Structure formats: C-alpha cells, structure tokens
Protein backbone atom coordinates (compact mmCIF):
# COMPACT_ATOMS: atom_id res chain seq x y z
CA MET A 1 -11.70 -59.44 -26.12
CA THR A 2 -10.32 -56.05 -25.03
CA ARG A 3 -11.82 -52.92 -26.56
CA PRO A 4 -10.77 -49.32 -25.90
CA THR A 5 -13.38 -46.75 -24.96
CA ALA A 6 -13.32 -43.47 -23.05
CA LEU A 7 -14.64 -41.84 -19.92
CA ALA A 8 -16.57 -38.59 -19.99
CA ASP A 9 -13.39 -36.63 -19.40
CA GLY A 10 -11.66 -38.26 -22.38
CA ARG A 11 -9.44 -40.69 -20.50
CA ALA A 12 -9.05 -44.06 -22.21
CA ILE A 13 -10.45 -47.13 -20.48
CA ALA A 14 -10.47 -50.77 -21.49
CA MET A 15 -13.43 -53.14 -21.90
CA VAL A 16 -12.67 -56.84 -21.46
CA ASP A 17 -15.13 -59.66 -22.17
CA LEU A 18 -14.57 -62.54 -19.77
CA THR A 19 -14.65 -65.39 -22.26
CA GLU A 20 -12.27 -68.29 -22.76
CA SER A 21 -10.40 -66.40 -25.49
CA GLY A 22 -11.15 -62.86 -24.38
CA TRP A 23 -8.91 -62.48 -21.35
CA ASP A 24 -5.52 -63.38 -19.97
CA GLU A 25 -5.71 -64.47 -16.34
CA ASN A 26 -2.29 -63.00 -15.54
CA ALA A 27 -2.88 -59.74 -17.42
CA VAL A 28 -5.93 -58.67 -15.40
CA LEU A 29 -4.37 -58.89 -11.97
CA PRO A 30 -4.71 -55.76 -9.81
CA PRO A 31 -1.77 -53.33 -9.78
CA ALA A 32 1.32 -54.99 -8.37
CA GLN A 33 2.69 -53.64 -5.11
CA SER A 34 5.51 -51.24 -5.90
CA HIS A 35 8.91 -51.41 -4.24
CA TRP A 36 9.97 -49.02 -1.53
CA SER A 37 11.75 -46.02 -3.00
CA PHE A 38 14.01 -45.93 0.07
CA GLY A 39 16.10 -48.96 -0.88
CA ASP A 40 18.25 -51.02 1.49
CA GLY A 41 19.70 -49.27 4.51
CA THR A 42 23.33 -49.66 5.54
CA ILE A 43 24.00 -52.59 7.85
CA GLY A 44 23.82 -51.07 11.31
CA SER A 45 25.29 -47.82 9.89
CA GLU A 46 29.04 -47.77 10.52
CA GLU A 47 28.95 -44.00 10.97
CA VAL A 48 29.17 -43.13 14.66
CA LEU A 49 26.10 -41.46 16.18
CA VAL A 50 25.50 -39.50 19.39
CA GLY A 51 25.01 -41.90 22.30
CA ASP A 52 26.83 -44.80 20.59
CA ASN A 53 28.96 -46.97 22.85
CA LEU A 54 32.40 -47.45 21.35
CA GLU A 55 34.62 -50.43 22.04
CA ILE A 56 38.30 -49.68 21.36
CA VAL A 57 40.99 -52.34 21.51
CA ILE A 58 44.69 -51.43 21.14
CA PHE A 59 47.26 -54.10 20.25
CA GLU A 60 50.96 -53.50 20.83
CA VAL A 61 54.24 -55.29 20.17
CA GLY A 62 57.37 -54.34 22.09
CA TYR A 63 57.21 -51.35 24.40
CA ARG A 64 53.66 -50.94 25.66
CA LEU A 65 51.40 -48.12 26.76
CA PHE A 66 48.34 -50.27 27.41
CA GLY A 67 47.56 -53.69 28.89
CA VAL A 68 49.78 -56.36 30.40
CA VAL A 69 52.41 -58.65 28.97
CA ASP A 70 51.08 -61.74 27.24
CA SER A 71 51.80 -64.78 29.43
CA ARG A 72 53.35 -66.52 26.43
CA SER A 73 55.91 -63.73 25.85
CA ASP A 74 59.26 -63.18 27.55
CA ALA A 75 58.77 -60.40 30.11
CA ARG A 76 62.54 -59.88 30.36
CA ASP A 77 62.71 -58.89 26.71
CA PRO A 78 60.21 -56.08 25.96
CA ALA A 79 61.15 -56.15 22.32
CA ILE A 80 59.20 -59.35 21.83
CA ALA A 81 56.41 -58.66 24.34
CA ALA A 82 52.85 -58.51 22.93
CA SER A 83 49.63 -57.28 24.51
CA GLY A 84 46.12 -56.27 23.67
CA ALA A 85 44.07 -53.92 25.83
CA ALA A 86 40.36 -53.15 25.64
CA LEU A 87 39.63 -49.64 26.83
CA PRO A 88 36.52 -49.01 28.94
CA THR A 89 33.43 -48.53 26.77
CA ILE A 90 33.10 -44.90 25.72
CA SER A 91 29.73 -43.22 25.14
CA VAL A 92 29.77 -40.58 22.39
CA PRO A 93 28.70 -37.18 23.77
CA ASN A 94 26.77 -34.51 21.90
CA ASP A 95 29.92 -32.69 20.78
CA GLY A 96 31.28 -35.93 19.26
CA TYR A 97 34.69 -35.85 21.02
CA VAL A 98 35.97 -38.82 23.05
CA ASN A 99 39.17 -38.87 25.08
CA ILE A 100 41.70 -41.65 24.42
CA PRO A 101 44.61 -42.15 26.86
CA TYR A 102 47.93 -40.85 25.49
CA VAL A 103 46.04 -39.61 22.39
CA GLY A 104 43.70 -36.97 23.72
CA PRO A 105 40.30 -35.88 22.31
CA VAL A 106 39.25 -37.47 19.01
CA ASN A 107 36.25 -36.31 17.00
CA VAL A 108 34.24 -39.48 16.13
CA LEU A 109 30.76 -38.13 15.30
CA GLY A 110 29.60 -39.09 11.82
CA ARG A 111 32.87 -40.84 11.02
CA ASN A 112 33.51 -44.39 9.91
CA THR A 113 35.01 -46.70 12.56
CA LYS A 114 37.92 -47.56 10.27
CA ALA A 115 38.82 -43.88 9.88
CA ILE A 116 38.66 -43.39 13.65
CA ALA A 117 40.96 -46.39 14.21
CA ALA A 118 43.42 -45.05 11.60
CA GLU A 119 43.61 -41.66 13.34
CA ILE A 120 44.21 -43.20 16.77
CA ARG A 121 46.89 -45.47 15.31
CA GLU A 122 48.61 -42.50 13.64
CA ARG A 123 48.55 -40.42 16.80
CA LEU A 124 50.11 -43.29 18.77
CA ARG A 125 53.05 -43.37 16.36
CA GLY A 126 56.21 -42.62 18.33
CA LEU A 127 54.48 -43.30 21.65
CA SER A 128 53.84 -47.02 21.17
CA GLN A 129 55.82 -49.52 19.17
CA GLN A 130 53.79 -51.01 16.29
CA ALA A 131 50.36 -50.18 17.73
CA ASP A 132 47.25 -51.43 15.97
CA VAL A 133 43.73 -50.27 16.77
CA LEU A 134 40.27 -51.78 16.43
CA VAL A 135 37.14 -49.64 16.88
CA ARG A 136 33.62 -51.11 17.01
CA VAL A 137 30.19 -49.67 17.71
CA ALA A 138 28.65 -51.86 20.41
CA SER A 139 25.25 -50.22 20.83
CA GLY A 140 23.46 -46.92 21.19
CA PRO A 141 20.00 -45.40 21.69
CA MET A 142 20.02 -43.96 18.18
CA ARG A 143 20.98 -47.30 16.67
CA SER A 144 17.44 -48.63 16.80
CA VAL A 145 14.10 -48.75 15.00
CA THR A 146 10.77 -47.73 16.47
CA VAL A 147 7.88 -50.15 15.92
CA SER A 148 4.28 -49.17 16.71
CA GLY A 149 0.69 -49.84 15.73
CA ASP A 150 -0.90 -53.28 15.52
CA VAL A 151 2.06 -55.30 16.83
CA LYS A 152 2.03 -57.31 20.04
CA ASN A 153 5.04 -55.60 21.65
CA PRO A 154 5.53 -52.06 20.28
CA GLY A 155 8.67 -50.17 21.25
CA ARG A 156 12.23 -49.37 20.27
CA ILE A 157 14.24 -52.31 18.91
CA PRO A 158 18.01 -52.17 18.38
CA ILE A 159 19.44 -53.08 15.00
CA THR A 160 22.73 -54.89 14.69
CA ALA A 161 25.44 -55.58 12.16
CA ALA A 162 23.27 -58.48 10.95
CA GLY A 163 21.18 -55.92 9.07
CA GLU A 164 17.61 -56.47 10.27
CA ARG A 165 14.92 -56.12 7.63
CA VAL A 166 11.25 -55.07 7.85
CA LEU A 167 9.92 -58.57 8.61
CA ASP A 168 12.73 -59.17 11.14
CA ILE A 169 11.77 -56.09 13.13
CA ILE A 170 8.05 -56.94 13.04
CA ALA A 171 8.86 -60.43 14.32
CA SER A 172 11.05 -58.92 17.08
CA ALA A 173 8.03 -56.84 18.13
CA GLY A 174 6.01 -60.03 18.65
CA GLY A 175 4.45 -60.15 15.19
CA PRO A 176 1.20 -58.60 13.94
CA ALA A 177 -1.80 -58.46 16.25
CA GLU A 178 -4.20 -58.67 13.29
CA SER A 179 -4.48 -60.75 10.16
CA PRO A 180 -1.68 -59.73 7.73
CA SER A 181 -4.22 -59.17 4.95
CA ASN A 182 -5.78 -56.35 6.99
CA LEU A 183 -2.54 -54.56 7.84
CA VAL A 184 -0.46 -51.95 6.03
CA VAL A 185 3.22 -51.33 6.82
CA ARG A 186 4.10 -47.64 6.95
CA LEU A 187 7.83 -46.97 6.86
CA ALA A 188 9.11 -43.49 7.75
CA ARG A 189 12.70 -42.44 7.04
CA GLY A 190 14.26 -39.01 6.86
CA GLY A 191 10.96 -37.09 6.85
CA ALA A 192 9.35 -39.24 4.12
CA SER A 193 6.97 -42.17 4.52
CA GLU A 194 5.56 -44.90 2.28
CA GLU A 195 3.09 -47.75 2.70
CA MET A 196 2.87 -51.34 1.58
CA GLN A 197 0.45 -54.18 2.29
CA LEU A 198 1.97 -56.51 4.91
CA ASP A 199 1.00 -59.71 3.11
CA GLN A 200 2.90 -58.43 0.04
CA LEU A 201 6.19 -58.64 1.93
CA ARG A 202 8.10 -61.88 1.48
CA ALA A 203 11.38 -62.97 3.05
CA GLY A 204 14.16 -62.96 0.49
CA GLU A 205 12.36 -60.55 -1.86
CA ALA A 206 13.27 -56.97 -2.71
CA GLN A 207 10.34 -55.41 -0.80
CA ASN A 208 11.70 -56.75 2.49
CA ILE A 209 14.36 -54.03 2.67
CA ARG A 210 17.09 -53.61 5.29
CA LEU A 211 16.31 -50.91 7.86
CA MET A 212 18.42 -47.99 9.07
CA PRO A 213 18.87 -46.41 12.51
CA GLY A 214 16.03 -44.00 13.23
CA ASP A 215 13.50 -45.70 10.92
CA VAL A 216 9.90 -45.86 12.17
CA VAL A 217 7.77 -48.88 11.27
CA GLN A 218 4.01 -48.77 11.86
CA LEU A 219 1.44 -51.48 11.31
CA LEU A 220 -1.92 -49.90 10.49
CA LYS A 221 -5.23 -51.71 10.28
CA ARG A 222 -6.85 -51.25 6.90
CA GLN A 223 -9.60 -53.67 5.89
CA ARG A 224 -9.39 -54.72 2.23
CA SER A 225 -12.73 -55.18 0.52
CA PHE A 226 -14.73 -54.97 -2.69
CA SER A 227 -18.25 -53.66 -3.27
CA VAL A 228 -21.25 -55.27 -4.94
CA ILE A 229 -23.94 -52.93 -6.25
CA GLY A 230 -26.88 -53.01 -8.64
CA ALA A 231 -29.42 -55.85 -8.81
CA ALA A 232 -27.83 -57.95 -6.04
CA ARG A 233 -29.79 -59.45 -3.18
CA ASP A 234 -27.41 -57.84 -0.73
CA VAL A 235 -25.77 -54.61 -1.89
CA ALA A 236 -22.75 -54.57 0.37
CA GLU A 237 -19.06 -54.10 0.94
CA VAL A 238 -17.49 -57.55 1.11
CA PRO A 239 -14.27 -57.98 3.13
CA LEU A 240 -11.29 -59.79 1.63
CA ALA A 241 -9.77 -62.33 3.98
CA ASP A 242 -6.37 -64.08 3.87
CA THR A 243 -7.48 -66.56 1.21
CA PRO A 244 -8.19 -65.43 -2.38
CA VAL A 245 -11.82 -64.76 -3.31
CA SER A 246 -13.08 -65.53 -6.81
CA LEU A 247 -15.79 -63.61 -8.64
CA VAL A 248 -18.17 -66.54 -8.14
CA GLU A 249 -17.56 -66.45 -4.39
CA GLY A 250 -17.94 -62.67 -4.37
CA LEU A 251 -21.33 -62.88 -6.05
CA ALA A 252 -22.40 -65.62 -3.66
CA ARG A 253 -21.45 -63.54 -0.62
CA ALA A 254 -23.71 -60.78 -1.91
CA GLY A 255 -26.58 -63.27 -2.28
CA GLY A 256 -26.28 -63.45 -6.07
CA PRO A 257 -28.40 -61.59 -8.65
CA ILE A 258 -32.09 -60.93 -8.00
CA ASP A 259 -33.90 -63.30 -10.37
CA ASN A 260 -36.60 -60.98 -11.68
CA GLN A 261 -34.55 -57.77 -11.70
CA ALA A 262 -31.03 -58.64 -12.80
CA ASP A 263 -29.68 -58.80 -16.33
CA ALA A 264 -27.67 -62.01 -16.27
CA THR A 265 -25.73 -60.93 -19.34
CA GLY A 266 -24.45 -57.81 -17.62
CA VAL A 267 -22.18 -58.51 -14.66
CA PHE A 268 -19.36 -55.94 -14.61
CA VAL A 269 -16.19 -55.61 -12.56
CA PHE A 270 -14.46 -52.20 -12.38
CA ARG A 271 -10.72 -52.18 -11.60
CA TYR A 272 -7.49 -50.30 -12.28
CA VAL A 273 -5.00 -52.59 -14.05
CA ASP A 274 -1.29 -52.00 -14.59
CA ARG A 275 -0.49 -51.88 -18.31
CA ASP A 276 2.61 -50.97 -20.27
CA VAL A 277 2.05 -47.74 -22.20
CA ASP A 278 5.04 -46.57 -24.21
CA GLY A 279 7.42 -48.32 -21.84
CA ALA A 280 5.84 -46.92 -18.66
CA ALA A 281 3.54 -48.70 -16.18
CA VAL A 282 0.15 -46.95 -16.23
CA LYS A 283 -2.92 -47.77 -14.12
CA VAL A 284 -5.64 -48.17 -16.75
CA PRO A 285 -9.32 -48.13 -15.65
CA THR A 286 -10.71 -51.43 -16.89
CA ILE A 287 -14.22 -52.88 -17.04
CA PHE A 288 -14.66 -56.66 -17.19
CA ARG A 289 -17.97 -58.03 -18.49
CA LEU A 290 -19.35 -61.46 -17.65
CA ASN A 291 -22.35 -63.18 -19.26
CA LEU A 292 -23.91 -65.54 -16.72
CA LEU A 293 -26.24 -67.01 -19.36
CA ASP A 294 -23.23 -68.74 -20.87
CA PRO A 295 -22.51 -71.84 -18.71
CA ARG A 296 -18.82 -71.57 -19.50
CA SER A 297 -18.70 -68.22 -17.72
CA TYR A 298 -18.96 -69.89 -14.32
CA PHE A 299 -15.62 -71.64 -14.87
CA ILE A 300 -14.09 -68.32 -15.91
CA ALA A 301 -15.57 -66.48 -12.91
CA SER A 302 -14.15 -69.12 -10.58
CA ARG A 303 -10.63 -68.21 -11.83
CA PHE A 304 -11.16 -64.43 -11.70
CA ARG A 305 -9.74 -63.21 -8.39
CA MET A 306 -11.30 -60.24 -6.61
CA ALA A 307 -9.00 -57.42 -5.50
CA ASP A 308 -9.08 -54.57 -3.03
CA ASP A 309 -11.36 -51.67 -4.12
CA ASP A 310 -13.00 -53.68 -6.92
CA VAL A 311 -16.60 -52.72 -7.73
CA VAL A 312 -19.00 -55.40 -9.02
CA LEU A 313 -22.10 -54.11 -10.78
CA ILE A 314 -25.01 -56.42 -11.57
CA ALA A 315 -27.05 -54.64 -14.24
CA ASN A 316 -30.80 -54.29 -13.99
CA ALA A 317 -32.94 -56.08 -16.56
CA ARG A 318 -34.92 -54.01 -19.04
CA SER A 319 -38.16 -55.54 -17.69
CA ALA A 320 -37.18 -54.31 -14.23
CA GLN A 321 -36.80 -50.76 -15.58
CA PHE A 322 -40.25 -51.09 -17.21
CA ALA A 323 -41.72 -52.23 -13.87
CA LYS A 324 -40.19 -49.22 -12.10
CA LEU A 325 -41.78 -46.88 -14.64
CA VAL A 326 -45.20 -48.50 -14.14
CA GLN A 327 -44.85 -48.20 -10.38
CA MET A 328 -43.97 -44.52 -10.66
CA LEU A 329 -46.95 -43.74 -12.92
CA ASN A 330 -49.28 -45.63 -10.61
CA GLN A 331 -48.61 -43.04 -7.95
CA PHE A 332 -50.38 -40.40 -10.08
CA THR A 333 -53.18 -42.29 -11.79
CA SER A 334 -55.15 -45.50 -11.64
CA PRO A 335 -53.49 -48.81 -12.63
CA VAL A 336 -55.98 -49.31 -15.50
CA VAL A 337 -55.17 -45.96 -17.09
CA THR A 338 -51.44 -46.47 -16.65
CA VAL A 339 -51.37 -49.86 -18.29
CA ASP A 340 -53.63 -48.59 -21.09
CA LEU A 341 -51.27 -45.69 -21.78
CA LEU A 342 -48.18 -47.86 -21.82
CA THR A 343 -49.65 -50.52 -24.09
CA ARG A 344 -50.89 -48.23 -26.83
C-alpha cells in the first residue's frame, strides 16, 4: 500500500509496503534513462566542411570540355559523342573556394553538394553541350568523431553516409575496456554534453542516436552500487554487476541482519521513483518497507530489483536501543545501580 508523507522541508514522499497487494513490480523501477536531447545527427552531414575532399564528375553529350570520347560512340560525329570525366580530388581550403576548370572559383563551404553541382552546371552552360555534374564528399578530417576514455582503441573515427550511431562508433574503437554496467557514455556536441549509462543503449532503440561530424564520445568508468546501513552484519557499499541483484541478494551480500540487534519488521529501501504528476514525470522520493517476519516477504524481496544509489536501512530493535542505554549508563555508575534505576 502506498501512503503519502512529507520530508522535513515539506516535500511529499511516498511510503510503500512490500506486500503481495501493496506494490506494483513495474511501478517501483528506478527512474528510466532519459533520451538524449541532441536527437539524430544528419547522415555524414552533406554540408561541405573545411578539409573535405570533393569528388566532382562532369558528364557531357556532344561537344566536350572534359574527358575522352566513349568507345561506344562515333568519334566522327561529335553531336552524338558522350563522355564522363572525374576531376582530381579537391581539398576544401579555409576560405571555402575551389577552382573548377572552365568555371573558375566556386564557394563550397557550408553548402549542400546538390547546390554546388547546380552552380557548376549553370556556369558550364554555353561552354559545354548538355553538361551534368555530380559532386560528392569523399572524406575529410572534420568528418569524424573523437572517441576516448575506457575504449580499447581511442582516437578519431571517420563517419560515412551510412550514418554511424553511438554503438557503431564504440564498436569501431574496439569496444569497451570495462564491463558495460560500470561505464557511462558522455556525448559532447556543440558545446553541450550529456551522459547515459552504456548498458542502457540498445541497437535499434531511440537512445542509440546517429552521430554528427565533430561529436566527442567518452566512456567513463562509474561503478554502480547501493548501500546497506543500520543493523547489518556488514555495513557496506555493494557494487552492482551486469546481472540484476534482488533485495534478498543485496541483504545476503551485507551479511544479513544482526540477530539480536535488528528489527526484522523494519527493512527499508530508499529510492527516487519516476511518477506522473499532473502529466509531468517527477522523481518522487520513495521508501519501501519490508517485514521479514512474514514468510511471504522473502518471495517479494526476491522480485524487488536493487538499483544504483539505493539505500537499504535495517532498523535497530527496541531491545538493542535499551541495551545501548544500559551500556552508556554503566560508564558512569555500577551495573547494580544502573539496572536498579532502569527497573523501577
């Protein structure tokens, strides 16, 4: 059963009893990984960048300025001759102007390849008979993504018209050097950066976005874990591995409750849970309570999955608090007097 309560500063929190009818297994999952705000990049970016290598092919019918006569055409009749000529690869300089034979300087920087081809074709009008032009970006130092961090082969990786995505680039860098559950992907683009857990990325899903030239992808090691405090045999931070960890397993890894100090009816898990509040997703602080004296609770705890940054508190028994008070008073007076005072 879920009950609202409040923190000291007035913020609402939720109390959930882990009973067969008191909780929904799907509703208590940790906050879902959000999507990148960047969105998909353009495939290879058709806008020409400094340093790009341009491939330009000019096709002509009839009188020709470029290339040689097609062997299948009649060389004695230029009206029906056809040819196609590939110009030497041109690297785009800083000023963005490239020189095309018979055309002169053409500004290509930041322009679409189709627009560049249309300008060259227009400027050849009257010089060549029925010229057609094809412009393609072959490669370029700016047409790449930088990959660093916990990958096997960090460096600069070119992106192509295939439209490489985040997982594609990580695979091209040799894959992660650590377990995916311990790695965070940091994506930087245009002065902004965001992070996402690597094992949250799936091929074919929206989070695996297409990259853009100039993107920087980093794999950062960040151990996921939860903490166990209170009357546990081993108060510790417990790492989360690749496989899911249930609440039962989490308690076992901390050695379980201390028999003579723990309150078996008071095992609490503290977590932020995504909930819909007036149509908006809000991270609500939530406390889950488990009663280990109820045998059915063990089946429930085996289905309750631990999440990163969870805190498990095993409450102290009232008798344990009484024993602490006796121990404190014994430091100032004799045991006989202390017990006599407390039992009056």
